[in-house]
């Protein structure tokens, strides 16, 4: 019964997401150039309004974790980066960001970190939903180039994994 309720909540949350147009062509071009410069074999696509770039991925078997910290017994399959891999997703969602997460942050999973951020679009009417999962052995030049190419000012606390830094001044995202 609990699994049914959780599944229903996940589906309801996904149904509430409203997507705007695909990411702007200029951003897609910039990210594509940066990624291909450092990783020529990366797979890049824009499908269903989402820009996706990935290289060195594999399937992981994971346990869901509830917001209370309870680890679920049921497992699920998820594609993620291997030690030297990455997956970058960029979507444009309608309206301002109204989620629970605050600012740009990095989530530490059992196998790899995932950076998330949701800056406003250039015109301020919508927002980007950006996830960047990467392995611990990802080329630091590629990682830095991706962070520098993403929209908005990105800053993470000093203790962040792999000490991600940009050439931009630290500030809040809004």
C-alpha atoms as a PDB file:
ATOM      1  CA  UNK A   1       0.000   0.000   0.000  1.00  0.00           C
ATOM      2  CA  UNK A   2       2.831   2.383   0.923  1.00  0.00           C
ATOM      3  CA  UNK A   3       4.492   1.749  -2.455  1.00  0.00           C
ATOM      4  CA  UNK A   4       1.206   2.526  -4.223  1.00  0.00           C
ATOM      5  CA  UNK A   5       0.892   5.830  -2.367  1.00  0.00           C
ATOM      6  CA  UNK A   6       4.508   6.806  -3.110  1.00  0.00           C
ATOM      7  CA  UNK A   7       4.106   5.852  -6.778  1.00  0.00           C
ATOM      8  CA  UNK A   8       0.926   7.910  -7.026  1.00  0.00           C
ATOM      9  CA  UNK A   9       2.659  10.925  -5.462  1.00  0.00           C
ATOM     10  CA  UNK A  10       5.577  10.632  -7.887  1.00  0.00           C
ATOM     11  CA  UNK A  11       3.235  10.463 -10.866  1.00  0.00           C
ATOM     12  CA  UNK A  12       1.147  13.370  -9.577  1.00  0.00           C
ATOM     13  CA  UNK A  13       4.274  15.491  -9.083  1.00  0.00           C
ATOM     14  CA  UNK A  14       5.501  14.673 -12.597  1.00  0.00           C
ATOM     15  CA  UNK A  15       2.098  15.585 -14.018  1.00  0.00           C
ATOM     16  CA  UNK A  16       2.278  19.010 -12.325  1.00  0.00           C
ATOM     17  CA  UNK A  17       5.514  19.896 -14.125  1.00  0.00           C
ATOM     18  CA  UNK A  18       4.775  22.180 -17.014  1.00  0.00           C
ATOM     19  CA  UNK A  19       7.445  22.623 -19.597  1.00  0.00           C
ATOM     20  CA  UNK A  20       8.009  25.708 -21.666  1.00  0.00           C
ATOM     21  CA  UNK A  21       9.940  25.710 -24.907  1.00  0.00           C
ATOM     22  CA  UNK A  22      13.186  23.760 -25.365  1.00  0.00           C
ATOM     23  CA  UNK A  23      16.360  25.445 -24.065  1.00  0.00           C
ATOM     24  CA  UNK A  24      17.400  28.398 -26.245  1.00  0.00           C
ATOM     25  CA  UNK A  25      19.432  27.538 -29.338  1.00  0.00           C
ATOM     26  CA  UNK A  26      22.311  29.721 -28.119  1.00  0.00           C
ATOM     27  CA  UNK A  27      22.591  27.754 -24.869  1.00  0.00           C
ATOM     28  CA  UNK A  28      22.362  24.420 -26.708  1.00  0.00           C
ATOM     29  CA  UNK A  29      25.103  25.526 -29.115  1.00  0.00           C
ATOM     30  CA  UNK A  30      27.324  26.762 -26.274  1.00  0.00           C
ATOM     31  CA  UNK A  31      26.951  23.595 -24.192  1.00  0.00           C
ATOM     32  CA  UNK A  32      27.428  21.355 -27.231  1.00  0.00           C
ATOM     33  CA  UNK A  33      30.650  23.145 -28.220  1.00  0.00           C
ATOM     34  CA  UNK A  34      32.059  23.042 -24.683  1.00  0.00           C
ATOM     35  CA  UNK A  35      31.249  19.369 -24.203  1.00  0.00           C
ATOM     36  CA  UNK A  36      32.534  18.263 -27.612  1.00  0.00           C
ATOM     37  CA  UNK A  37      35.755  20.216 -27.064  1.00  0.00           C
ATOM     38  CA  UNK A  38      36.542  18.185 -23.935  1.00  0.00           C
ATOM     39  CA  UNK A  39      34.661  14.970 -24.745  1.00  0.00           C
ATOM     40  CA  UNK A  40      34.263  14.445 -28.526  1.00  0.00           C
ATOM     41  CA  UNK A  41      32.466  11.105 -28.055  1.00  0.00           C
ATOM     42  CA  UNK A  42      29.695  12.506 -25.826  1.00  0.00           C
ATOM     43  CA  UNK A  43      26.126  11.794 -26.931  1.00  0.00           C
ATOM     44  CA  UNK A  44      24.132  15.018 -27.211  1.00  0.00           C
ATOM     45  CA  UNK A  45      20.446  15.355 -28.050  1.00  0.00           C
ATOM     46  CA  UNK A  46      17.476  17.650 -27.606  1.00  0.00           C
ATOM     47  CA  UNK A  47      14.340  15.533 -27.266  1.00  0.00           C
ATOM     48  CA  UNK A  48      10.974  16.341 -25.742  1.00  0.00           C
ATOM     49  CA  UNK A  49      12.230  19.835 -24.903  1.00  0.00           C
ATOM     50  CA  UNK A  50      15.232  18.584 -22.902  1.00  0.00           C
ATOM     51  CA  UNK A  51      18.925  19.023 -23.725  1.00  0.00           C
ATOM     52  CA  UNK A  52      20.829  15.896 -22.704  1.00  0.00           C
ATOM     53  CA  UNK A  53      24.554  15.246 -22.920  1.00  0.00           C
ATOM     54  CA  UNK A  54      26.177  12.106 -21.595  1.00  0.00           C
ATOM     55  CA  UNK A  55      29.260   9.974 -21.751  1.00  0.00           C
ATOM     56  CA  UNK A  56      30.488   6.973 -19.773  1.00  0.00           C
ATOM     57  CA  UNK A  57      27.189   5.916 -18.250  1.00  0.00           C
ATOM     58  CA  UNK A  58      25.894   2.666 -16.798  1.00  0.00           C
ATOM     59  CA  UNK A  59      22.770   1.337 -15.087  1.00  0.00           C
ATOM     60  CA  UNK A  60      22.632   1.406 -11.283  1.00  0.00           C
ATOM     61  CA  UNK A  61      20.246  -0.450  -8.983  1.00  0.00           C
ATOM     62  CA  UNK A  62      19.140   1.941  -6.247  1.00  0.00           C
ATOM     63  CA  UNK A  63      16.850   2.044  -3.235  1.00  0.00           C
ATOM     64  CA  UNK A  64      14.473   4.984  -2.970  1.00  0.00           C
ATOM     65  CA  UNK A  65      14.896   7.259   0.035  1.00  0.00           C
ATOM     66  CA  UNK A  66      11.950   9.141   1.494  1.00  0.00           C
ATOM     67  CA  UNK A  67      12.221  12.705   2.772  1.00  0.00           C
ATOM     68  CA  UNK A  68      12.169  11.292   6.322  1.00  0.00           C
ATOM     69  CA  UNK A  69      15.376   9.379   5.560  1.00  0.00           C
ATOM     70  CA  UNK A  70      13.662   5.991   5.423  1.00  0.00           C
ATOM     71  CA  UNK A  71      15.282   3.734   2.833  1.00  0.00           C
ATOM     72  CA  UNK A  72      12.724   1.804   0.809  1.00  0.00           C
ATOM     73  CA  UNK A  73      13.094  -1.941   0.298  1.00  0.00           C
ATOM     74  CA  UNK A  74      12.058  -1.832  -3.361  1.00  0.00           C
ATOM     75  CA  UNK A  75      14.803  -1.057  -5.854  1.00  0.00           C
ATOM     76  CA  UNK A  76      14.731   0.684  -9.209  1.00  0.00           C
ATOM     77  CA  UNK A  77      17.094   1.038 -12.160  1.00  0.00           C
ATOM     78  CA  UNK A  78      18.626   4.402 -13.022  1.00  0.00           C
ATOM     79  CA  UNK A  79      21.217   5.433 -15.578  1.00  0.00           C
ATOM     80  CA  UNK A  80      24.134   7.264 -14.023  1.00  0.00           C
ATOM     81  CA  UNK A  81      27.739   8.170 -14.733  1.00  0.00           C
ATOM     82  CA  UNK A  82      30.578   5.726 -14.231  1.00  0.00           C
ATOM     83  CA  UNK A  83      33.832   6.872 -12.602  1.00  0.00           C
ATOM     84  CA  UNK A  84      34.828   9.089 -15.551  1.00  0.00           C
ATOM     85  CA  UNK A  85      31.333   9.741 -16.943  1.00  0.00           C
ATOM     86  CA  UNK A  86      28.609  12.381 -16.726  1.00  0.00           C
ATOM     87  CA  UNK A  87      24.976  13.116 -17.557  1.00  0.00           C
ATOM     88  CA  UNK A  88      23.799  16.707 -18.055  1.00  0.00           C
ATOM     89  CA  UNK A  89      20.098  17.565 -18.451  1.00  0.00           C
ATOM     90  CA  UNK A  90      18.735  21.065 -19.099  1.00  0.00           C
ATOM     91  CA  UNK A  91      15.003  21.781 -19.341  1.00  0.00           C
ATOM     92  CA  UNK A  92      12.941  24.954 -19.319  1.00  0.00           C
ATOM     93  CA  UNK A  93       9.931  24.869 -16.985  1.00  0.00           C
ATOM     94  CA  UNK A  94       7.101  27.403 -16.961  1.00  0.00           C
ATOM     95  CA  UNK A  95       6.984  30.125 -14.358  1.00  0.00           C
ATOM     96  CA  UNK A  96       9.345  30.789 -11.473  1.00  0.00           C
ATOM     97  CA  UNK A  97      10.832  27.895  -9.536  1.00  0.00           C
ATOM     98  CA  UNK A  98       8.456  26.893  -6.725  1.00  0.00           C
ATOM     99  CA  UNK A  99      10.162  23.746  -5.388  1.00  0.00           C
ATOM    100  CA  UNK A 100      11.562  22.850  -1.978  1.00  0.00           C
ATOM    101  CA  UNK A 101      15.252  22.956  -2.881  1.00  0.00           C
ATOM    102  CA  UNK A 102      17.108  26.171  -2.153  1.00  0.00           C
ATOM    103  CA  UNK A 103      19.706  27.545  -4.534  1.00  0.00           C
ATOM    104  CA  UNK A 104      22.275  25.548  -6.413  1.00  0.00           C
ATOM    105  CA  UNK A 105      23.254  22.418  -4.514  1.00  0.00           C
ATOM    106  CA  UNK A 106      24.934  19.079  -4.816  1.00  0.00           C
ATOM    107  CA  UNK A 107      23.249  15.857  -3.744  1.00  0.00           C
ATOM    108  CA  UNK A 108      25.552  13.042  -2.689  1.00  0.00           C
ATOM    109  CA  UNK A 109      24.139   9.693  -3.749  1.00  0.00           C
ATOM    110  CA  UNK A 110      25.652   6.314  -2.993  1.00  0.00           C
ATOM    111  CA  UNK A 111      27.595   6.189  -6.277  1.00  0.00           C
ATOM    112  CA  UNK A 112      27.969   9.723  -7.673  1.00  0.00           C
ATOM    113  CA  UNK A 113      27.068  13.336  -6.883  1.00  0.00           C
ATOM    114  CA  UNK A 114      24.353  15.213  -8.757  1.00  0.00           C
ATOM    115  CA  UNK A 115      24.453  18.999  -8.967  1.00  0.00           C
ATOM    116  CA  UNK A 116      21.057  20.698  -9.343  1.00  0.00           C
ATOM    117  CA  UNK A 117      20.135  24.291 -10.014  1.00  0.00           C
ATOM    118  CA  UNK A 118      17.113  26.141 -11.312  1.00  0.00           C
ATOM    119  CA  UNK A 119      18.013  29.689 -12.441  1.00  0.00           C
ATOM    120  CA  UNK A 120      15.514  31.976 -14.092  1.00  0.00           C
ATOM    121  CA  UNK A 121      15.534  32.209 -17.854  1.00  0.00           C
ATOM    122  CA  UNK A 122      16.988  35.324 -19.425  1.00  0.00           C
ATOM    123  CA  UNK A 123      13.551  36.987 -19.715  1.00  0.00           C
ATOM    124  CA  UNK A 124      12.674  36.041 -16.124  1.00  0.00           C
ATOM    125  CA  UNK A 125       9.316  34.441 -16.931  1.00  0.00           C
ATOM    126  CA  UNK A 126      10.402  30.783 -16.689  1.00  0.00           C
ATOM    127  CA  UNK A 127      13.227  28.824 -15.106  1.00  0.00           C
ATOM    128  CA  UNK A 128      15.746  26.190 -16.099  1.00  0.00           C
ATOM    129  CA  UNK A 129      15.826  22.820 -14.355  1.00  0.00           C
ATOM    130  CA  UNK A 130      19.435  21.636 -14.587  1.00  0.00           C
ATOM    131  CA  UNK A 131      20.904  18.373 -13.291  1.00  0.00           C
ATOM    132  CA  UNK A 132      24.560  17.428 -13.745  1.00  0.00           C
ATOM    133  CA  UNK A 133      25.570  14.000 -12.432  1.00  0.00           C
ATOM    134  CA  UNK A 134      29.242  13.060 -12.699  1.00  0.00           C
ATOM    135  CA  UNK A 135      31.706  10.448 -11.552  1.00  0.00           C
ATOM    136  CA  UNK A 136      34.613  11.215  -9.238  1.00  0.00           C
ATOM    137  CA  UNK A 137      37.124  10.737 -12.053  1.00  0.00           C
ATOM    138  CA  UNK A 138      35.505  13.137 -14.552  1.00  0.00           C
ATOM    139  CA  UNK A 139      38.059  15.373 -16.257  1.00  0.00           C
ATOM    140  CA  UNK A 140      38.140  18.524 -14.075  1.00  0.00           C
ATOM    141  CA  UNK A 141      38.540  20.718 -17.172  1.00  0.00           C
ATOM    142  CA  UNK A 142      35.320  19.310 -18.652  1.00  0.00           C
ATOM    143  CA  UNK A 143      33.478  19.724 -15.359  1.00  0.00           C
ATOM    144  CA  UNK A 144      34.644  23.316 -14.966  1.00  0.00           C
ATOM    145  CA  UNK A 145      33.791  24.138 -18.591  1.00  0.00           C
ATOM    146  CA  UNK A 146      30.245  22.799 -18.126  1.00  0.00           C
ATOM    147  CA  UNK A 147      29.751  24.824 -14.933  1.00  0.00           C
ATOM    148  CA  UNK A 148      31.059  27.947 -16.662  1.00  0.00           C
ATOM    149  CA  UNK A 149      28.678  27.414 -19.618  1.00  0.00           C
ATOM    150  CA  UNK A 150      25.524  26.924 -17.524  1.00  0.00           C
ATOM    151  CA  UNK A 151      23.172  29.883 -17.163  1.00  0.00           C
ATOM    152  CA  UNK A 152      23.211  31.929 -13.967  1.00  0.00           C
ATOM    153  CA  UNK A 153      25.910  32.394 -11.374  1.00  0.00           C
ATOM    154  CA  UNK A 154      26.873  29.128  -9.737  1.00  0.00           C
ATOM    155  CA  UNK A 155      28.505  28.947  -6.366  1.00  0.00           C
ATOM    156  CA  UNK A 156      28.730  26.065  -3.943  1.00  0.00           C
ATOM    157  CA  UNK A 157      29.870  26.016  -0.335  1.00  0.00           C
ATOM    158  CA  UNK A 158      33.576  25.389   0.298  1.00  0.00           C
ATOM    159  CA  UNK A 159      33.002  21.779   1.353  1.00  0.00           C
ATOM    160  CA  UNK A 160      31.358  20.790  -1.938  1.00  0.00           C
ATOM    161  CA  UNK A 161      32.539  17.596  -3.607  1.00  0.00           C
ATOM    162  CA  UNK A 162      35.624  18.012  -5.756  1.00  0.00           C
ATOM    163  CA  UNK A 163      35.767  21.706  -4.846  1.00  0.00           C
ATOM    164  CA  UNK A 164      33.729  22.973  -7.795  1.00  0.00           C
ATOM    165  CA  UNK A 165      34.532  26.577  -8.494  1.00  0.00           C
ATOM    166  CA  UNK A 166      33.733  28.993 -11.264  1.00  0.00           C
ATOM    167  CA  UNK A 167      35.349  32.211 -12.346  1.00  0.00           C
ATOM    168  CA  UNK A 168      32.204  34.042 -11.267  1.00  0.00           C
ATOM    169  CA  UNK A 169      31.828  35.753  -7.907  1.00  0.00           C
ATOM    170  CA  UNK A 170      30.009  33.783  -5.199  1.00  0.00           C
ATOM    171  CA  UNK A 171      26.454  34.960  -4.765  1.00  0.00           C
ATOM    172  CA  UNK A 172      22.981  33.644  -4.270  1.00  0.00           C
ATOM    173  CA  UNK A 173      21.112  32.588  -7.384  1.00  0.00           C
ATOM    174  CA  UNK A 174      18.249  35.043  -6.813  1.00  0.00           C
END
